[in-house]
Amino acid sequence: ILFRFLKEHYYNQLRNDLLMQFNFITENFPKDPLISQLIRQPKNTLRREYSMDKLEIGNKREFITLHIEEKHIKFRCETLQDAEALLFPTLRRFHPYLFIIDNDYENYGWISPAKISTAYNNDQVLYS
């Protein structure tokens, strides 16, 4: 349902009802904190092209081009594995519930939050 709504909004951005719903269910991306977390990602390099407001993160083998806008991020990469290696870990820490859409294919879904492991003591017994 969310994918169909976002697709409808994308193709009909002048419809006021869709715009109001879109603004209600989405949050703004704080650009500077996100960029600073991307820089801190191990083994990432960052290049910014100010003229086009474009960022590029990468390492020696792969790279991703990012356009961070007010309510969404557009990114381009060769493979989903590149996004998983370079971008998604930072996004999971930054905001654990993001909806990802592939515009070329009908691939979409929620980015899963980072797993937090908790220490469990096997010697404890709980009673109810």
C-alpha atoms as a PDB file:
ATOM      1  CA  ILE A   1       0.000   0.000   0.000  1.00  0.00           C
ATOM      2  CA  LEU A   2       2.796   2.390   0.914  1.00  0.00           C
ATOM      3  CA  PHE A   3       4.635   1.694  -2.347  1.00  0.00           C
ATOM      4  CA  ARG A   4       1.503   2.370  -4.409  1.00  0.00           C
ATOM      5  CA  PHE A   5       0.854   5.591  -2.508  1.00  0.00           C
ATOM      6  CA  LEU A   6       4.430   6.860  -2.942  1.00  0.00           C
ATOM      7  CA  LYS A   7       4.356   5.986  -6.628  1.00  0.00           C
ATOM      8  CA  GLU A   8       1.021   7.818  -7.048  1.00  0.00           C
ATOM      9  CA  HIS A   9       2.408  10.859  -5.226  1.00  0.00           C
ATOM     10  CA  TYR A  10       5.559  10.826  -7.373  1.00  0.00           C
ATOM     11  CA  TYR A  11       3.566  10.934 -10.609  1.00  0.00           C
ATOM     12  CA  ASN A  12       0.914  13.390  -9.321  1.00  0.00           C
ATOM     13  CA  GLN A  13       2.879  15.832  -7.180  1.00  0.00           C
ATOM     14  CA  LEU A  14       0.467  18.668  -7.869  1.00  0.00           C
ATOM     15  CA  ARG A  15      -2.460  16.880  -6.222  1.00  0.00           C
ATOM     16  CA  ASN A  16      -2.996  18.670  -2.932  1.00  0.00           C
ATOM     17  CA  ASP A  17      -4.545  15.669  -1.141  1.00  0.00           C
ATOM     18  CA  LEU A  18      -1.547  13.465  -1.954  1.00  0.00           C
ATOM     19  CA  LEU A  19       0.880  16.220  -0.985  1.00  0.00           C
ATOM     20  CA  MET A  20      -0.799  16.671   2.402  1.00  0.00           C
ATOM     21  CA  GLN A  21      -0.735  12.909   3.061  1.00  0.00           C
ATOM     22  CA  PHE A  22       2.894  12.677   1.946  1.00  0.00           C
ATOM     23  CA  ASN A  23       3.919  15.507   4.279  1.00  0.00           C
ATOM     24  CA  PHE A  24       2.003  13.909   7.144  1.00  0.00           C
ATOM     25  CA  ILE A  25       3.593  10.450   6.890  1.00  0.00           C
ATOM     26  CA  THR A  26       7.175  11.499   6.073  1.00  0.00           C
ATOM     27  CA  GLU A  27       9.846  13.290   8.059  1.00  0.00           C
ATOM     28  CA  ASN A  28      12.590  15.629   6.895  1.00  0.00           C
ATOM     29  CA  PHE A  29      16.132  14.331   6.535  1.00  0.00           C
ATOM     30  CA  PRO A  30      18.596  16.298   8.628  1.00  0.00           C
ATOM     31  CA  LYS A  31      21.264  16.495   5.950  1.00  0.00           C
ATOM     32  CA  ASP A  32      24.353  17.513   7.957  1.00  0.00           C
ATOM     33  CA  PRO A  33      24.064  14.812  10.675  1.00  0.00           C
ATOM     34  CA  LEU A  34      23.532  12.167   7.997  1.00  0.00           C
ATOM     35  CA  ILE A  35      26.591  13.331   6.043  1.00  0.00           C
ATOM     36  CA  SER A  36      28.712  13.310   9.195  1.00  0.00           C
ATOM     37  CA  GLN A  37      27.637   9.705   9.931  1.00  0.00           C
ATOM     38  CA  LEU A  38      28.429   8.688   6.347  1.00  0.00           C
ATOM     39  CA  ILE A  39      31.923  10.139   6.745  1.00  0.00           C
ATOM     40  CA  ARG A  40      32.463   8.137   9.936  1.00  0.00           C
ATOM     41  CA  GLN A  41      31.547   4.861   8.218  1.00  0.00           C
ATOM     42  CA  PRO A  42      34.763   2.782   8.184  1.00  0.00           C
ATOM     43  CA  LYS A  43      36.565   2.649   4.847  1.00  0.00           C
ATOM     44  CA  ASN A  44      34.239   5.186   3.182  1.00  0.00           C
ATOM     45  CA  THR A  45      35.557   8.151   1.300  1.00  0.00           C
ATOM     46  CA  LEU A  46      33.296  11.106   0.625  1.00  0.00           C
ATOM     47  CA  ARG A  47      33.306  13.504  -2.288  1.00  0.00           C
ATOM     48  CA  ARG A  48      30.891  16.405  -2.535  1.00  0.00           C
ATOM     49  CA  GLU A  49      30.039  18.249  -5.712  1.00  0.00           C
ATOM     50  CA  TYR A  50      28.558  21.545  -4.591  1.00  0.00           C
ATOM     51  CA  SER A  51      27.314  22.671  -7.981  1.00  0.00           C
ATOM     52  CA  MET A  52      24.853  19.806  -8.226  1.00  0.00           C
ATOM     53  CA  ASP A  53      24.382  19.238  -4.472  1.00  0.00           C
ATOM     54  CA  LYS A  54      25.602  15.686  -5.027  1.00  0.00           C
ATOM     55  CA  LEU A  55      27.530  13.407  -2.695  1.00  0.00           C
ATOM     56  CA  GLU A  56      29.543  10.375  -3.595  1.00  0.00           C
ATOM     57  CA  ILE A  57      30.600   7.766  -1.056  1.00  0.00           C
ATOM     58  CA  GLY A  58      32.752   4.823  -1.857  1.00  0.00           C
ATOM     59  CA  ASN A  59      35.881   2.828  -1.389  1.00  0.00           C
ATOM     60  CA  LYS A  60      38.437   1.393  -3.796  1.00  0.00           C
ATOM     61  CA  ARG A  61      35.962  -0.956  -5.529  1.00  0.00           C
ATOM     62  CA  GLU A  62      32.461   0.517  -5.359  1.00  0.00           C
ATOM     63  CA  PHE A  63      30.737   3.857  -4.989  1.00  0.00           C
ATOM     64  CA  ILE A  64      27.261   5.318  -4.531  1.00  0.00           C
ATOM     65  CA  THR A  65      25.993   8.690  -5.702  1.00  0.00           C
ATOM     66  CA  LEU A  66      23.573  10.386  -3.286  1.00  0.00           C
ATOM     67  CA  HIS A  67      21.156  13.265  -3.636  1.00  0.00           C
ATOM     68  CA  ILE A  68      19.805  14.120  -0.181  1.00  0.00           C
ATOM     69  CA  GLU A  69      16.571  16.024  -0.511  1.00  0.00           C
ATOM     70  CA  GLU A  70      14.155  17.350   2.090  1.00  0.00           C
ATOM     71  CA  LYS A  71      11.996  14.238   2.417  1.00  0.00           C
ATOM     72  CA  HIS A  72      13.960  11.520   0.644  1.00  0.00           C
ATOM     73  CA  ILE A  73      17.337  10.354  -0.553  1.00  0.00           C
ATOM     74  CA  LYS A  74      17.953   9.327  -4.137  1.00  0.00           C
ATOM     75  CA  PHE A  75      20.942   7.089  -4.669  1.00  0.00           C
ATOM     76  CA  ARG A  76      22.467   5.245  -7.569  1.00  0.00           C
ATOM     77  CA  CYS A  77      24.759   2.240  -7.331  1.00  0.00           C
ATOM     78  CA  GLU A  78      25.820  -0.702  -9.458  1.00  0.00           C
ATOM     79  CA  THR A  79      24.434  -3.438  -7.211  1.00  0.00           C
ATOM     80  CA  LEU A  80      22.334  -3.795  -4.091  1.00  0.00           C
ATOM     81  CA  GLN A  81      25.425  -5.253  -2.426  1.00  0.00           C
ATOM     82  CA  ASP A  82      27.169  -1.886  -2.906  1.00  0.00           C
ATOM     83  CA  ALA A  83      24.315  -0.145  -1.099  1.00  0.00           C
ATOM     84  CA  GLU A  84      24.380  -2.787   1.631  1.00  0.00           C
ATOM     85  CA  ALA A  85      28.117  -2.304   2.140  1.00  0.00           C
ATOM     86  CA  LEU A  86      28.376   1.482   1.869  1.00  0.00           C
ATOM     87  CA  LEU A  87      25.027   3.087   2.689  1.00  0.00           C
ATOM     88  CA  PHE A  88      22.526   0.861   4.490  1.00  0.00           C
ATOM     89  CA  PRO A  89      24.551   0.312   7.718  1.00  0.00           C
ATOM     90  CA  THR A  90      24.695   4.073   8.233  1.00  0.00           C
ATOM     91  CA  LEU A  91      21.007   4.487   7.413  1.00  0.00           C
ATOM     92  CA  ARG A  92      20.098   1.753   9.912  1.00  0.00           C
ATOM     93  CA  ARG A  93      21.964   3.572  12.665  1.00  0.00           C
ATOM     94  CA  PHE A  94      20.680   6.967  11.557  1.00  0.00           C
ATOM     95  CA  HIS A  95      17.013   5.991  11.367  1.00  0.00           C
ATOM     96  CA  PRO A  96      16.045   2.330  11.662  1.00  0.00           C
ATOM     97  CA  TYR A  97      12.716   2.514   9.805  1.00  0.00           C
ATOM     98  CA  LEU A  98      13.184   3.672   6.242  1.00  0.00           C
ATOM     99  CA  PHE A  99      11.252   2.563   3.184  1.00  0.00           C
ATOM    100  CA  ILE A 100      13.471   1.796   0.186  1.00  0.00           C
ATOM    101  CA  ILE A 101      12.145   1.879  -3.394  1.00  0.00           C
ATOM    102  CA  ASP A 102      13.881   0.847  -6.598  1.00  0.00           C
ATOM    103  CA  ASN A 103      12.434   3.077  -9.317  1.00  0.00           C
ATOM    104  CA  ASP A 104      13.547   0.880 -12.216  1.00  0.00           C
ATOM    105  CA  TYR A 105      11.904  -2.278 -10.921  1.00  0.00           C
ATOM    106  CA  GLU A 106       9.093  -2.830  -8.480  1.00  0.00           C
ATOM    107  CA  ASN A 107      11.476  -3.692  -5.656  1.00  0.00           C
ATOM    108  CA  TYR A 108      10.651  -2.061  -2.346  1.00  0.00           C
ATOM    109  CA  GLY A 109      10.578  -2.708   1.371  1.00  0.00           C
ATOM    110  CA  TRP A 110      11.507  -1.540   4.818  1.00  0.00           C
ATOM    111  CA  ILE A 111      15.142  -1.324   5.754  1.00  0.00           C
ATOM    112  CA  SER A 112      15.514  -3.527   8.789  1.00  0.00           C
ATOM    113  CA  PRO A 113      16.840  -1.940  11.961  1.00  0.00           C
ATOM    114  CA  ALA A 114      20.317  -2.724  13.238  1.00  0.00           C
ATOM    115  CA  LYS A 115      20.251  -5.720  15.550  1.00  0.00           C
ATOM    116  CA  ILE A 116      21.121  -5.013  19.143  1.00  0.00           C
ATOM    117  CA  SER A 117      22.456  -8.022  20.935  1.00  0.00           C
ATOM    118  CA  THR A 118      21.707  -8.279  24.608  1.00  0.00           C
ATOM    119  CA  ALA A 119      23.635 -10.363  27.045  1.00  0.00           C
ATOM    120  CA  TYR A 120      21.547 -13.229  28.353  1.00  0.00           C
ATOM    121  CA  ASN A 121      22.452 -15.023  31.533  1.00  0.00           C
ATOM    122  CA  ASN A 122      21.652 -18.717  31.149  1.00  0.00           C
ATOM    123  CA  ASP A 123      21.792 -19.188  34.924  1.00  0.00           C
ATOM    124  CA  GLN A 124      18.735 -17.014  35.512  1.00  0.00           C
ATOM    125  CA  VAL A 125      15.292 -18.500  35.791  1.00  0.00           C
ATOM    126  CA  LEU A 126      12.192 -16.358  35.507  1.00  0.00           C
ATOM    127  CA  TYR A 127       9.025 -17.200  37.400  1.00  0.00           C
ATOM    128  CA  SER A 128       5.576 -15.885  36.800  1.00  0.00           C
END
